Amino acid sequence: MLVGRPGCHLCDEMRAVVLAVAGPLGLPLQEVDVADDPELERRYIFEIPVLMRDGHELARHRVDEATLRALLEPGPA
């Protein structure tokens, strides 16, 4: 889940990285406008974009493709 807002250039940059990495892996991208969720707005109003997966924060502000690939790799079984 990408928490951001329309018109946010950092959000646009993170979206592009996420689509480049997660898209080929078949992972969907859910986007949430921080203003649409009072709890997310309270927590992240000055911290967007925030990338989350399964309720856990993966990155704030910026993430590069190599870092995101490492974050999305499955751990040892």
PDB file of N, CA and C in Angstrom:
ATOM      1  N   MET A   1       0.854  -1.168   0.000  1.00  0.00           N
ATOM      2  CA  MET A   1       0.000   0.000   0.000  1.00  0.00           C
ATOM      3  C   MET A   1       0.898   1.228   0.000  1.00  0.00           C
ATOM      4  N   LEU A   2       0.627   2.129  -0.919  1.00  0.00           N
ATOM      5  CA  LEU A   2       1.354   3.386  -0.998  1.00  0.00           C
ATOM      6  C   LEU A   2       0.463   4.481  -0.438  1.00  0.00           C
ATOM      7  N   VAL A   3       0.901   5.067   0.659  1.00  0.00           N
ATOM      8  CA  VAL A   3       0.168   6.164   1.291  1.00  0.00           C
ATOM      9  C   VAL A   3       0.777   7.462   0.781  1.00  0.00           C
ATOM     10  N   GLY A   4      -0.044   8.286   0.160  1.00  0.00           N
ATOM     11  CA  GLY A   4       0.446   9.543  -0.388  1.00  0.00           C
ATOM     12  C   GLY A   4      -0.688  10.511  -0.598  1.00  0.00           C
ATOM     13  N   ARG A   5      -0.509  11.370  -1.598  1.00  0.00           N
ATOM     14  CA  ARG A   5      -1.567  12.312  -1.962  1.00  0.00           C
ATOM     15  C   ARG A   5      -1.343  12.756  -3.396  1.00  0.00           C
ATOM     16  N   PRO A   6      -2.402  13.151  -4.057  1.00  0.00           N
ATOM     17  CA  PRO A   6      -2.256  13.664  -5.427  1.00  0.00           C
ATOM     18  C   PRO A   6      -1.359  14.902  -5.440  1.00  0.00           C
ATOM     19  N   GLY A   7      -0.531  15.004  -6.474  1.00  0.00           N
ATOM     20  CA  GLY A   7       0.316  16.172  -6.611  1.00  0.00           C
ATOM     21  C   GLY A   7       1.621  16.109  -5.841  1.00  0.00           C
ATOM     22  N   CYS A   8       1.890  15.008  -5.174  1.00  0.00           N
ATOM     23  CA  CYS A   8       3.108  14.836  -4.379  1.00  0.00           C
ATOM     24  C   CYS A   8       4.189  14.241  -5.277  1.00  0.00           C
ATOM     25  N   HIS A   9       5.256  14.997  -5.547  1.00  0.00           N
ATOM     26  CA  HIS A   9       6.283  14.496  -6.455  1.00  0.00           C
ATOM     27  C   HIS A   9       7.045  13.308  -5.880  1.00  0.00           C
ATOM     28  N   LEU A  10       7.250  13.275  -4.563  1.00  0.00           N
ATOM     29  CA  LEU A  10       7.898  12.109  -3.955  1.00  0.00           C
ATOM     30  C   LEU A  10       7.019  10.872  -4.097  1.00  0.00           C
ATOM     31  N   CYS A  11       5.714  11.057  -3.984  1.00  0.00           N
ATOM     32  CA  CYS A  11       4.772   9.942  -4.157  1.00  0.00           C
ATOM     33  C   CYS A  11       4.849   9.409  -5.588  1.00  0.00           C
ATOM     34  N   ASP A  12       4.935  10.327  -6.549  1.00  0.00           N
ATOM     35  CA  ASP A  12       5.052   9.917  -7.947  1.00  0.00           C
ATOM     36  C   ASP A  12       6.332   9.118  -8.172  1.00  0.00           C
ATOM     37  N   GLU A  13       7.428   9.573  -7.569  1.00  0.00           N
ATOM     38  CA  GLU A  13       8.702   8.869  -7.715  1.00  0.00           C
ATOM     39  C   GLU A  13       8.635   7.469  -7.102  1.00  0.00           C
ATOM     40  N   MET A  14       8.062   7.375  -5.884  1.00  0.00           N
ATOM     41  CA  MET A  14       7.976   6.072  -5.238  1.00  0.00           C
ATOM     42  C   MET A  14       7.048   5.146  -6.016  1.00  0.00           C
ATOM     43  N   ARG A  15       5.950   5.674  -6.523  1.00  0.00           N
ATOM     44  CA  ARG A  15       5.015   4.862  -7.317  1.00  0.00           C
ATOM     45  C   ARG A  15       5.744   4.245  -8.509  1.00  0.00           C
ATOM     46  N   ALA A  16       6.566   5.031  -9.188  1.00  0.00           N
ATOM     47  CA  ALA A  16       7.293   4.533 -10.351  1.00  0.00           C
ATOM     48  C   ALA A  16       8.239   3.395  -9.965  1.00  0.00           C
ATOM     49  N   VAL A  17       8.919   3.530  -8.855  1.00  0.00           N
ATOM     50  CA  VAL A  17       9.827   2.472  -8.387  1.00  0.00           C
ATOM     51  C   VAL A  17       9.037   1.222  -8.034  1.00  0.00           C
ATOM     52  N   VAL A  18       7.945   1.401  -7.315  1.00  0.00           N
ATOM     53  CA  VAL A  18       7.127   0.251  -6.905  1.00  0.00           C
ATOM     54  C   VAL A  18       6.576  -0.469  -8.129  1.00  0.00           C
ATOM     55  N   LEU A  19       6.078   0.267  -9.094  1.00  0.00           N
ATOM     56  CA  LEU A  19       5.539  -0.372 -10.293  1.00  0.00           C
ATOM     57  C   LEU A  19       6.629  -1.104 -11.070  1.00  0.00           C
ATOM     58  N   ALA A  20       7.822  -0.542 -11.109  1.00  0.00           N
ATOM     59  CA  ALA A  20       8.926  -1.186 -11.826  1.00  0.00           C
ATOM     60  C   ALA A  20       9.359  -2.484 -11.163  1.00  0.00           C
ATOM     61  N   VAL A  21       9.285  -2.539  -9.844  1.00  0.00           N
ATOM     62  CA  VAL A  21       9.751  -3.725  -9.111  1.00  0.00           C
ATOM     63  C   VAL A  21       8.619  -4.708  -8.847  1.00  0.00           C
ATOM     64  N   ALA A  22       7.514  -4.225  -8.306  1.00  0.00           N
ATOM     65  CA  ALA A  22       6.428  -5.112  -7.890  1.00  0.00           C
ATOM     66  C   ALA A  22       5.597  -5.602  -9.067  1.00  0.00           C
ATOM     67  N   GLY A  23       5.469  -4.783 -10.095  1.00  0.00           N
ATOM     68  CA  GLY A  23       4.675  -5.171 -11.263  1.00  0.00           C
ATOM     69  C   GLY A  23       5.123  -6.485 -11.868  1.00  0.00           C
ATOM     70  N   PRO A  24       6.402  -6.632 -12.206  1.00  0.00           N
ATOM     71  CA  PRO A  24       6.873  -7.892 -12.780  1.00  0.00           C
ATOM     72  C   PRO A  24       6.726  -9.090 -11.834  1.00  0.00           C
ATOM     73  N   LEU A  25       6.664  -8.813 -10.535  1.00  0.00           N
ATOM     74  CA  LEU A  25       6.472  -9.885  -9.560  1.00  0.00           C
ATOM     75  C   LEU A  25       5.000 -10.253  -9.388  1.00  0.00           C
ATOM     76  N   GLY A  26       4.121  -9.498 -10.050  1.00  0.00           N
ATOM     77  CA  GLY A  26       2.694  -9.757  -9.935  1.00  0.00           C
ATOM     78  C   GLY A  26       2.085  -9.242  -8.647  1.00  0.00           C
ATOM     79  N   LEU A  27       2.779  -8.319  -7.987  1.00  0.00           N
ATOM     80  CA  LEU A  27       2.270  -7.753  -6.739  1.00  0.00           C
ATOM     81  C   LEU A  27       1.457  -6.503  -7.055  1.00  0.00           C
ATOM     82  N   PRO A  28       0.214  -6.452  -6.623  1.00  0.00           N
ATOM     83  CA  PRO A  28      -0.619  -5.281  -6.915  1.00  0.00           C
ATOM     84  C   PRO A  28      -0.201  -4.081  -6.072  1.00  0.00           C
ATOM     85  N   LEU A  29      -0.498  -2.898  -6.575  1.00  0.00           N
ATOM     86  CA  LEU A  29      -0.236  -1.672  -5.828  1.00  0.00           C
ATOM     87  C   LEU A  29      -1.563  -1.043  -5.451  1.00  0.00           C
ATOM     88  N   GLN A  30      -1.797  -0.939  -4.165  1.00  0.00           N
ATOM     89  CA  GLN A  30      -2.975  -0.236  -3.646  1.00  0.00           C
ATOM     90  C   GLN A  30      -2.493   1.136  -3.199  1.00  0.00           C
ATOM     91  N   GLU A  31      -3.169   2.175  -3.642  1.00  0.00           N
ATOM     92  CA  GLU A  31      -2.804   3.529  -3.243  1.00  0.00           C
ATOM     93  C   GLU A  31      -3.900   4.109  -2.366  1.00  0.00           C
ATOM     94  N   VAL A  32      -3.472   4.813  -1.321  1.00  0.00           N
ATOM     95  CA  VAL A  32      -4.404   5.442  -0.391  1.00  0.00           C
ATOM     96  C   VAL A  32      -4.008   6.906  -0.235  1.00  0.00           C
ATOM     97  N   ASP A  33      -4.972   7.790  -0.399  1.00  0.00           N
ATOM     98  CA  ASP A  33      -4.752   9.211  -0.158  1.00  0.00           C
ATOM     99  C   ASP A  33      -4.738   9.415   1.353  1.00  0.00           C
ATOM    100  N   VAL A  34      -3.661   9.960   1.866  1.00  0.00           N
ATOM    101  CA  VAL A  34      -3.507  10.141   3.309  1.00  0.00           C
ATOM    102  C   VAL A  34      -4.673  10.942   3.896  1.00  0.00           C
ATOM    103  N   ALA A  35      -5.262  11.833   3.115  1.00  0.00           N
ATOM    104  CA  ALA A  35      -6.375  12.657   3.602  1.00  0.00           C
ATOM    105  C   ALA A  35      -7.674  11.877   3.742  1.00  0.00           C
ATOM    106  N   ASP A  36      -7.748  10.684   3.146  1.00  0.00           N
ATOM    107  CA  ASP A  36      -8.975   9.888   3.201  1.00  0.00           C
ATOM    108  C   ASP A  36      -9.065   8.996   4.437  1.00  0.00           C
ATOM    109  N   ASP A  37      -8.007   8.915   5.226  1.00  0.00           N
ATOM    110  CA  ASP A  37      -7.991   8.041   6.400  1.00  0.00           C
ATOM    111  C   ASP A  37      -7.443   8.834   7.585  1.00  0.00           C
ATOM    112  N   PRO A  38      -8.311   9.183   8.549  1.00  0.00           N
ATOM    113  CA  PRO A  38      -7.881  10.028   9.671  1.00  0.00           C
ATOM    114  C   PRO A  38      -6.673   9.462  10.437  1.00  0.00           C
ATOM    115  N   GLU A  39      -6.618   8.151  10.614  1.00  0.00           N
ATOM    116  CA  GLU A  39      -5.491   7.565  11.351  1.00  0.00           C
ATOM    117  C   GLU A  39      -4.197   7.682  10.551  1.00  0.00           C
ATOM    118  N   LEU A  40      -4.251   7.371   9.263  1.00  0.00           N
ATOM    119  CA  LEU A  40      -3.059   7.522   8.430  1.00  0.00           C
ATOM    120  C   LEU A  40      -2.636   8.987   8.355  1.00  0.00           C
ATOM    121  N   GLU A  41      -3.601   9.874   8.262  1.00  0.00           N
ATOM    122  CA  GLU A  41      -3.284  11.299   8.214  1.00  0.00           C
ATOM    123  C   GLU A  41      -2.598  11.740   9.508  1.00  0.00           C
ATOM    124  N   ARG A  42      -3.098  11.281  10.635  1.00  0.00           N
ATOM    125  CA  ARG A  42      -2.497  11.637  11.923  1.00  0.00           C
ATOM    126  C   ARG A  42      -1.053  11.142  12.000  1.00  0.00           C
ATOM    127  N   ARG A  43      -0.823   9.920  11.539  1.00  0.00           N
ATOM    128  CA  ARG A  43       0.504   9.309  11.648  1.00  0.00           C
ATOM    129  C   ARG A  43       1.495   9.803  10.604  1.00  0.00           C
ATOM    130  N   TYR A  44       1.009  10.083   9.384  1.00  0.00           N
ATOM    131  CA  TYR A  44       1.930  10.283   8.265  1.00  0.00           C
ATOM    132  C   TYR A  44       1.783  11.602   7.514  1.00  0.00           C
ATOM    133  N   ILE A  45       1.023  12.547   8.010  1.00  0.00           N
ATOM    134  CA  ILE A  45       0.742  13.758   7.248  1.00  0.00           C
ATOM    135  C   ILE A  45       2.005  14.442   6.714  1.00  0.00           C
ATOM    136  N   PHE A  46       3.086  14.433   7.482  1.00  0.00           N
ATOM    137  CA  PHE A  46       4.327  15.076   7.047  1.00  0.00           C
ATOM    138  C   PHE A  46       5.391  14.061   6.638  1.00  0.00           C
ATOM    139  N   GLU A  47       5.010  12.803   6.486  1.00  0.00           N
ATOM    140  CA  GLU A  47       5.972  11.734   6.228  1.00  0.00           C
ATOM    141  C   GLU A  47       5.760  11.020   4.901  1.00  0.00           C
ATOM    142  N   ILE A  48       4.810  11.458   4.085  1.00  0.00           N
ATOM    143  CA  ILE A  48       4.507  10.742   2.852  1.00  0.00           C
ATOM    144  C   ILE A  48       5.604  10.960   1.813  1.00  0.00           C
ATOM    145  N   PRO A  49       5.736  10.030   0.917  1.00  0.00           N
ATOM    146  CA  PRO A  49       5.004   8.778   0.803  1.00  0.00           C
ATOM    147  C   PRO A  49       5.511   7.728   1.774  1.00  0.00           C
ATOM    148  N   VAL A  50       4.619   6.813   2.101  1.00  0.00           N
ATOM    149  CA  VAL A  50       4.950   5.674   2.948  1.00  0.00           C
ATOM    150  C   VAL A  50       4.514   4.421   2.202  1.00  0.00           C
ATOM    151  N   LEU A  51       5.418   3.470   2.102  1.00  0.00           N
ATOM    152  CA  LEU A  51       5.115   2.196   1.462  1.00  0.00           C
ATOM    153  C   LEU A  51       4.959   1.150   2.549  1.00  0.00           C
ATOM    154  N   MET A  52       3.807   0.466   2.535  1.00  0.00           N
ATOM    155  CA  MET A  52       3.511  -0.541   3.549  1.00  0.00           C
ATOM    156  C   MET A  52       3.150  -1.857   2.872  1.00  0.00           C
ATOM    157  N   ARG A  53       3.431  -2.939   3.575  1.00  0.00           N
ATOM    158  CA  ARG A  53       3.022  -4.268   3.112  1.00  0.00           C
ATOM    159  C   ARG A  53       2.594  -5.069   4.327  1.00  0.00           C
ATOM    160  N   ASP A  54       1.394  -5.623   4.265  1.00  0.00           N
ATOM    161  CA  ASP A  54       0.848  -6.427   5.365  1.00  0.00           C
ATOM    162  C   ASP A  54       0.909  -5.685   6.690  1.00  0.00           C
ATOM    163  N   GLY A  55       0.634  -4.376   6.652  1.00  0.00           N
ATOM    164  CA  GLY A  55       0.590  -3.575   7.867  1.00  0.00           C
ATOM    165  C   GLY A  55       1.941  -3.135   8.395  1.00  0.00           C
ATOM    166  N   HIS A  56       3.018  -3.476   7.680  1.00  0.00           N
ATOM    167  CA  HIS A  56       4.366  -3.099   8.118  1.00  0.00           C
ATOM    168  C   HIS A  56       4.942  -2.066   7.164  1.00  0.00           C
ATOM    169  N   GLU A  57       5.549  -1.059   7.740  1.00  0.00           N
ATOM    170  CA  GLU A  57       6.165  -0.012   6.934  1.00  0.00           C
ATOM    171  C   GLU A  57       7.448  -0.536   6.286  1.00  0.00           C
ATOM    172  N   LEU A  58       7.551  -0.360   4.981  1.00  0.00           N
ATOM    173  CA  LEU A  58       8.755  -0.760   4.254  1.00  0.00           C
ATOM    174  C   LEU A  58       9.668   0.428   3.973  1.00  0.00           C
ATOM    175  N   ALA A  59       9.087   1.589   3.667  1.00  0.00           N
ATOM    176  CA  ALA A  59       9.899   2.747   3.310  1.00  0.00           C
ATOM    177  C   ALA A  59       9.097   4.027   3.485  1.00  0.00           C
ATOM    178  N   ARG A  60       9.838   5.109   3.737  1.00  0.00           N
ATOM    179  CA  ARG A  60       9.271   6.459   3.771  1.00  0.00           C
ATOM    180  C   ARG A  60      10.070   7.343   2.836  1.00  0.00           C
ATOM    181  N   HIS A  61       9.399   8.266   2.230  1.00  0.00           N
ATOM    182  CA  HIS A  61       9.984   9.313   1.390  1.00  0.00           C
ATOM    183  C   HIS A  61      10.564   8.791   0.082  1.00  0.00           C
ATOM    184  N   ARG A  62      11.577   7.924   0.148  1.00  0.00           N
ATOM    185  CA  ARG A  62      12.214   7.418  -1.071  1.00  0.00           C
ATOM    186  C   ARG A  62      12.633   5.966  -0.881  1.00  0.00           C
ATOM    187  N   VAL A  63      12.645   5.257  -2.008  1.00  0.00           N
ATOM    188  CA  VAL A  63      13.182   3.901  -2.027  1.00  0.00           C
ATOM    189  C   VAL A  63      13.704   3.661  -3.443  1.00  0.00           C
ATOM    190  N   ASP A  64      14.850   2.998  -3.540  1.00  0.00           N
ATOM    191  CA  ASP A  64      15.365   2.681  -4.870  1.00  0.00           C
ATOM    192  C   ASP A  64      15.004   1.241  -5.216  1.00  0.00           C
ATOM    193  N   GLU A  65      15.166   0.897  -6.482  1.00  0.00           N
ATOM    194  CA  GLU A  65      14.733  -0.425  -6.953  1.00  0.00           C
ATOM    195  C   GLU A  65      15.465  -1.558  -6.236  1.00  0.00           C
ATOM    196  N   ALA A  66      16.766  -1.439  -6.036  1.00  0.00           N
ATOM    197  CA  ALA A  66      17.527  -2.510  -5.384  1.00  0.00           C
ATOM    198  C   ALA A  66      17.063  -2.724  -3.953  1.00  0.00           C
ATOM    199  N   THR A  67      16.837  -1.641  -3.234  1.00  0.00           N
ATOM    200  CA  THR A  67      16.376  -1.754  -1.847  1.00  0.00           C
ATOM    201  C   THR A  67      14.993  -2.378  -1.797  1.00  0.00           C
ATOM    202  N   LEU A  68      14.107  -1.947  -2.687  1.00  0.00           N
ATOM    203  CA  LEU A  68      12.753  -2.493  -2.694  1.00  0.00           C
ATOM    204  C   LEU A  68      12.762  -3.976  -3.045  1.00  0.00           C
ATOM    205  N   ARG A  69      13.581  -4.379  -4.002  1.00  0.00           N
ATOM    206  CA  ARG A  69      13.678  -5.813  -4.323  1.00  0.00           C
ATOM    207  C   ARG A  69      14.099  -6.611  -3.099  1.00  0.00           C
ATOM    208  N   ALA A  70      15.080  -6.103  -2.373  1.00  0.00           N
ATOM    209  CA  ALA A  70      15.548  -6.790  -1.163  1.00  0.00           C
ATOM    210  C   ALA A  70      14.440  -6.864  -0.116  1.00  0.00           C
ATOM    211  N   LEU A  71      13.656  -5.796   0.017  1.00  0.00           N
ATOM    212  CA  LEU A  71      12.564  -5.778   0.996  1.00  0.00           C
ATOM    213  C   LEU A  71      11.444  -6.764   0.626  1.00  0.00           C
ATOM    214  N   LEU A  72      11.260  -6.988  -0.660  1.00  0.00           N
ATOM    215  CA  LEU A  72      10.170  -7.852  -1.117  1.00  0.00           C
ATOM    216  C   LEU A  72      10.575  -9.321  -1.238  1.00  0.00           C
ATOM    217  N   GLU A  73      11.864  -9.603  -1.136  1.00  0.00           N
ATOM    218  CA  GLU A  73      12.302 -10.992  -1.230  1.00  0.00           C
ATOM    219  C   GLU A  73      11.753 -11.790  -0.055  1.00  0.00           C
ATOM    220  N   PRO A  74      11.276 -12.980  -0.336  1.00  0.00           N
ATOM    221  CA  PRO A  74      10.787 -13.804   0.775  1.00  0.00           C
ATOM    222  C   PRO A  74      11.941 -14.213   1.681  1.00  0.00           C
ATOM    223  N   GLY A  75      11.657 -14.269   2.966  1.00  0.00           N
ATOM    224  CA  GLY A  75      12.669 -14.706   3.930  1.00  0.00           C
ATOM    225  C   GLY A  75      12.817 -16.216   3.914  1.00  0.00           C
ATOM    226  N   PRO A  76      13.761 -16.717   4.685  1.00  0.00           N
ATOM    227  CA  PRO A  76      13.945 -18.181   4.742  1.00  0.00           C
ATOM    228  C   PRO A  76      12.707 -18.872   5.293  1.00  0.00           C
ATOM    229  N   ALA A  77      12.414 -20.004   4.732  1.00  0.00           N
ATOM    230  CA  ALA A  77      11.207 -20.748   5.149  1.00  0.00           C
ATOM    231  C   ALA A  77      11.471 -21.540   6.397  1.00  0.00           C
TER     232      ALA A  77
END
